[in-house]
Amino acid sequence: MALCEHLKHSKYKAPKVHVCEECVKLGDEWVHLRTCLECGHVGCCDSSKNKHATKHYNHVKHPVIASAQPDERWLYCYIDDQMAE
């Protein structure tokens, strides 16, 4: 399968912070972190209670996230439901 246009033009960026700031404010914990490649927002993954990365996408519609886990290098496009490593 060919990569969608969003993933073709995106490159992995390491997160600037390693916490979900929304979870910190709520006193909650997260499972994994995701980084928005358009604005740098770091949010918790969908396995986490609050799903802040997906909530960020639903609010601002920035299509591509990257794993913020130190040992992972992948991108995901919300619009096309496609992943690239």
N, C-alpha and C. Protein backbone atom coordinates (compact mmCIF):
# COMPACT_ATOMS: atom_id res chain seq x y z
N MET A 1 0.85 -1.18 0.00
CA MET A 1 0.00 0.00 0.00
C MET A 1 0.90 1.25 0.00
N ALA A 2 0.57 2.19 -0.84
CA ALA A 2 1.31 3.45 -0.91
C ALA A 2 1.01 4.32 0.29
N LEU A 3 1.98 5.09 0.71
CA LEU A 3 1.78 6.01 1.84
C LEU A 3 0.85 7.15 1.44
N CYS A 4 0.04 7.58 2.36
CA CYS A 4 -0.82 8.74 2.13
C CYS A 4 0.05 10.00 2.05
N GLU A 5 -0.50 11.05 1.49
CA GLU A 5 0.24 12.30 1.30
C GLU A 5 0.72 12.89 2.63
N HIS A 6 -0.07 12.74 3.69
CA HIS A 6 0.32 13.29 5.00
C HIS A 6 1.60 12.64 5.50
N LEU A 7 1.69 11.31 5.36
CA LEU A 7 2.86 10.59 5.83
C LEU A 7 4.06 10.81 4.91
N LYS A 8 3.83 10.92 3.61
CA LYS A 8 4.92 11.14 2.66
C LYS A 8 5.69 12.41 2.99
N HIS A 9 4.99 13.42 3.48
CA HIS A 9 5.61 14.72 3.71
C HIS A 9 5.92 14.99 5.18
N SER A 10 5.87 13.95 6.00
CA SER A 10 6.16 14.10 7.44
C SER A 10 7.45 13.39 7.79
N LYS A 11 8.16 13.93 8.74
CA LYS A 11 9.37 13.31 9.24
C LYS A 11 9.29 13.23 10.75
N TYR A 12 9.86 12.17 11.29
CA TYR A 12 9.86 11.98 12.74
C TYR A 12 10.55 13.15 13.43
N LYS A 13 9.94 13.61 14.52
CA LYS A 13 10.55 14.64 15.37
C LYS A 13 10.48 14.15 16.80
N ALA A 14 11.58 14.25 17.49
CA ALA A 14 11.59 13.87 18.90
C ALA A 14 10.79 14.89 19.70
N PRO A 15 10.08 14.44 20.73
CA PRO A 15 9.31 15.38 21.54
C PRO A 15 10.21 16.30 22.35
N LYS A 16 9.71 17.49 22.62
CA LYS A 16 10.47 18.44 23.45
C LYS A 16 10.24 18.18 24.93
N VAL A 17 9.10 17.59 25.26
CA VAL A 17 8.80 17.22 26.65
C VAL A 17 8.42 15.74 26.67
N HIS A 18 8.59 15.11 27.80
CA HIS A 18 8.29 13.68 27.92
C HIS A 18 7.22 13.44 28.97
N VAL A 19 6.21 14.30 28.95
CA VAL A 19 5.05 14.13 29.83
C VAL A 19 3.81 14.58 29.07
N CYS A 20 2.67 14.04 29.46
CA CYS A 20 1.39 14.54 28.96
C CYS A 20 0.98 15.63 29.95
N GLU A 21 1.13 16.87 29.53
CA GLU A 21 0.87 17.98 30.45
C GLU A 21 -0.58 18.03 30.91
N GLU A 22 -1.51 17.61 30.04
CA GLU A 22 -2.92 17.57 30.46
C GLU A 22 -3.14 16.55 31.57
N CYS A 23 -2.49 15.38 31.45
CA CYS A 23 -2.60 14.36 32.50
C CYS A 23 -1.97 14.85 33.80
N VAL A 24 -0.83 15.53 33.69
CA VAL A 24 -0.16 16.06 34.88
C VAL A 24 -1.11 17.01 35.61
N LYS A 25 -1.78 17.89 34.87
CA LYS A 25 -2.72 18.84 35.48
C LYS A 25 -3.87 18.14 36.17
N LEU A 26 -4.29 16.98 35.61
CA LEU A 26 -5.39 16.22 36.20
C LEU A 26 -4.95 15.28 37.32
N GLY A 27 -3.63 15.11 37.47
CA GLY A 27 -3.11 14.17 38.46
C GLY A 27 -3.22 12.73 37.98
N ASP A 28 -3.33 12.52 36.65
CA ASP A 28 -3.46 11.18 36.08
C ASP A 28 -2.14 10.71 35.50
N GLU A 29 -2.08 9.42 35.22
CA GLU A 29 -0.91 8.81 34.59
C GLU A 29 -1.26 8.42 33.16
N TRP A 30 -0.26 8.11 32.36
CA TRP A 30 -0.47 7.72 30.98
C TRP A 30 0.31 6.44 30.70
N VAL A 31 -0.03 5.80 29.57
CA VAL A 31 0.65 4.57 29.16
C VAL A 31 1.83 4.90 28.24
N HIS A 32 1.54 5.59 27.12
CA HIS A 32 2.57 6.01 26.16
C HIS A 32 2.26 7.43 25.72
N LEU A 33 3.25 8.07 25.11
CA LEU A 33 3.09 9.45 24.64
C LEU A 33 3.19 9.52 23.13
N ARG A 34 2.48 10.49 22.55
CA ARG A 34 2.48 10.74 21.11
C ARG A 34 2.76 12.22 20.88
N THR A 35 3.49 12.53 19.80
CA THR A 35 3.84 13.91 19.47
C THR A 35 3.15 14.32 18.17
N CYS A 36 2.47 15.44 18.18
CA CYS A 36 1.87 16.01 16.97
C CYS A 36 3.01 16.60 16.13
N LEU A 37 3.11 16.19 14.88
CA LEU A 37 4.21 16.68 14.05
C LEU A 37 3.96 18.07 13.48
N GLU A 38 2.76 18.57 13.61
CA GLU A 38 2.50 19.92 13.11
C GLU A 38 2.83 20.99 14.15
N CYS A 39 2.47 20.75 15.41
CA CYS A 39 2.67 21.79 16.42
C CYS A 39 3.52 21.36 17.61
N GLY A 40 3.87 20.07 17.70
CA GLY A 40 4.71 19.59 18.79
C GLY A 40 3.98 19.22 20.07
N HIS A 41 2.65 19.29 20.08
CA HIS A 41 1.87 18.89 21.26
C HIS A 41 2.19 17.45 21.62
N VAL A 42 2.41 17.18 22.89
CA VAL A 42 2.63 15.81 23.37
C VAL A 42 1.43 15.42 24.20
N GLY A 43 0.80 14.30 23.82
CA GLY A 43 -0.38 13.82 24.53
C GLY A 43 -0.29 12.32 24.74
N CYS A 44 -1.13 11.83 25.63
CA CYS A 44 -1.14 10.41 25.94
C CYS A 44 -1.87 9.63 24.84
N CYS A 45 -1.52 8.35 24.72
CA CYS A 45 -2.05 7.48 23.68
C CYS A 45 -3.48 7.01 23.99
N ASP A 46 -4.06 6.29 23.04
CA ASP A 46 -5.42 5.79 23.21
C ASP A 46 -5.53 4.65 24.21
N SER A 47 -4.42 4.07 24.63
CA SER A 47 -4.44 3.06 25.70
C SER A 47 -4.47 3.73 27.07
N SER A 48 -4.26 5.03 27.09
CA SER A 48 -4.30 5.80 28.33
C SER A 48 -5.73 6.24 28.62
N LYS A 49 -6.01 6.51 29.86
CA LYS A 49 -7.35 6.89 30.31
C LYS A 49 -7.92 8.09 29.55
N ASN A 50 -7.10 9.12 29.34
CA ASN A 50 -7.61 10.39 28.80
C ASN A 50 -7.48 10.57 27.29
N LYS A 51 -6.64 9.79 26.63
CA LYS A 51 -6.50 9.83 25.17
C LYS A 51 -6.27 11.25 24.64
N HIS A 52 -5.35 11.97 25.26
CA HIS A 52 -5.14 13.38 24.91
C HIS A 52 -4.59 13.59 23.51
N ALA A 53 -3.80 12.66 22.96
CA ALA A 53 -3.29 12.83 21.59
C ALA A 53 -4.45 12.83 20.59
N THR A 54 -5.38 11.89 20.74
CA THR A 54 -6.54 11.84 19.84
C THR A 54 -7.46 13.03 20.08
N LYS A 55 -7.63 13.44 21.30
CA LYS A 55 -8.45 14.63 21.58
C LYS A 55 -7.84 15.86 20.92
N HIS A 56 -6.51 15.94 20.92
CA HIS A 56 -5.83 17.05 20.24
C HIS A 56 -6.16 17.02 18.74
N TYR A 57 -6.05 15.84 18.13
CA TYR A 57 -6.39 15.73 16.70
C TYR A 57 -7.84 16.14 16.46
N ASN A 58 -8.75 15.65 17.26
CA ASN A 58 -10.18 15.97 17.06
C ASN A 58 -10.45 17.46 17.20
N HIS A 59 -9.65 18.14 18.00
CA HIS A 59 -9.85 19.58 18.22
C HIS A 59 -9.20 20.42 17.12
N VAL A 60 -7.97 20.10 16.75
CA VAL A 60 -7.23 20.96 15.81
C VAL A 60 -7.02 20.37 14.42
N LYS A 61 -7.28 19.07 14.27
CA LYS A 61 -7.18 18.37 12.97
C LYS A 61 -5.77 18.30 12.38
N HIS A 62 -4.74 18.32 13.22
CA HIS A 62 -3.38 18.08 12.73
C HIS A 62 -3.27 16.57 12.49
N PRO A 63 -2.98 16.14 11.26
CA PRO A 63 -3.18 14.73 10.92
C PRO A 63 -2.16 13.72 11.39
N VAL A 64 -0.89 14.10 11.59
CA VAL A 64 0.14 13.08 11.83
C VAL A 64 0.76 13.20 13.22
N ILE A 65 0.86 12.04 13.87
CA ILE A 65 1.53 11.95 15.16
C ILE A 65 2.71 10.98 15.03
N ALA A 66 3.64 11.10 15.96
CA ALA A 66 4.76 10.17 16.06
C ALA A 66 4.78 9.61 17.48
N SER A 67 5.28 8.40 17.60
CA SER A 67 5.48 7.86 18.93
C SER A 67 6.51 8.72 19.64
N ALA A 68 6.27 9.00 20.90
CA ALA A 68 7.24 9.76 21.71
C ALA A 68 8.02 8.82 22.62
N GLN A 69 7.87 7.52 22.40
CA GLN A 69 8.61 6.53 23.19
C GLN A 69 10.05 6.48 22.69
N PRO A 70 11.03 6.43 23.59
CA PRO A 70 12.44 6.50 23.19
C PRO A 70 12.86 5.41 22.21
N ASP A 71 12.27 4.22 22.28
CA ASP A 71 12.70 3.10 21.44
C ASP A 71 11.80 2.87 20.23
N GLU A 72 10.91 3.79 19.93
CA GLU A 72 9.99 3.64 18.80
C GLU A 72 10.16 4.77 17.80
N ARG A 73 10.07 4.43 16.52
CA ARG A 73 10.16 5.43 15.45
C ARG A 73 9.07 5.12 14.43
N TRP A 74 7.88 5.60 14.66
CA TRP A 74 6.81 5.42 13.70
C TRP A 74 5.93 6.66 13.66
N LEU A 75 5.20 6.79 12.55
CA LEU A 75 4.26 7.89 12.34
C LEU A 75 2.89 7.30 12.08
N TYR A 76 1.86 8.05 12.43
CA TYR A 76 0.49 7.61 12.18
C TYR A 76 -0.33 8.78 11.67
N CYS A 77 -1.12 8.54 10.62
CA CYS A 77 -2.01 9.54 10.07
C CYS A 77 -3.44 9.24 10.50
N TYR A 78 -4.04 10.15 11.25
CA TYR A 78 -5.43 9.99 11.69
C TYR A 78 -6.40 10.00 10.51
N ILE A 79 -6.18 10.89 9.57
CA ILE A 79 -7.12 11.06 8.45
C ILE A 79 -7.22 9.78 7.62
N ASP A 80 -6.08 9.21 7.27
CA ASP A 80 -6.07 8.03 6.40
C ASP A 80 -5.90 6.71 7.16
N ASP A 81 -5.84 6.78 8.49
CA ASP A 81 -5.68 5.59 9.32
C ASP A 81 -4.53 4.72 8.80
N GLN A 82 -3.38 5.38 8.63
CA GLN A 82 -2.21 4.70 8.07
C GLN A 82 -0.99 4.94 8.93
N MET A 83 -0.12 3.92 9.00
CA MET A 83 1.08 4.00 9.82
C MET A 83 2.31 3.82 8.93
N ALA A 84 3.41 4.47 9.31
CA ALA A 84 4.69 4.30 8.62
C ALA A 84 5.79 4.17 9.65
N GLU A 85 6.74 3.31 9.37
CA GLU A 85 7.90 3.16 10.27
C GLU A 85 9.13 3.73 9.63
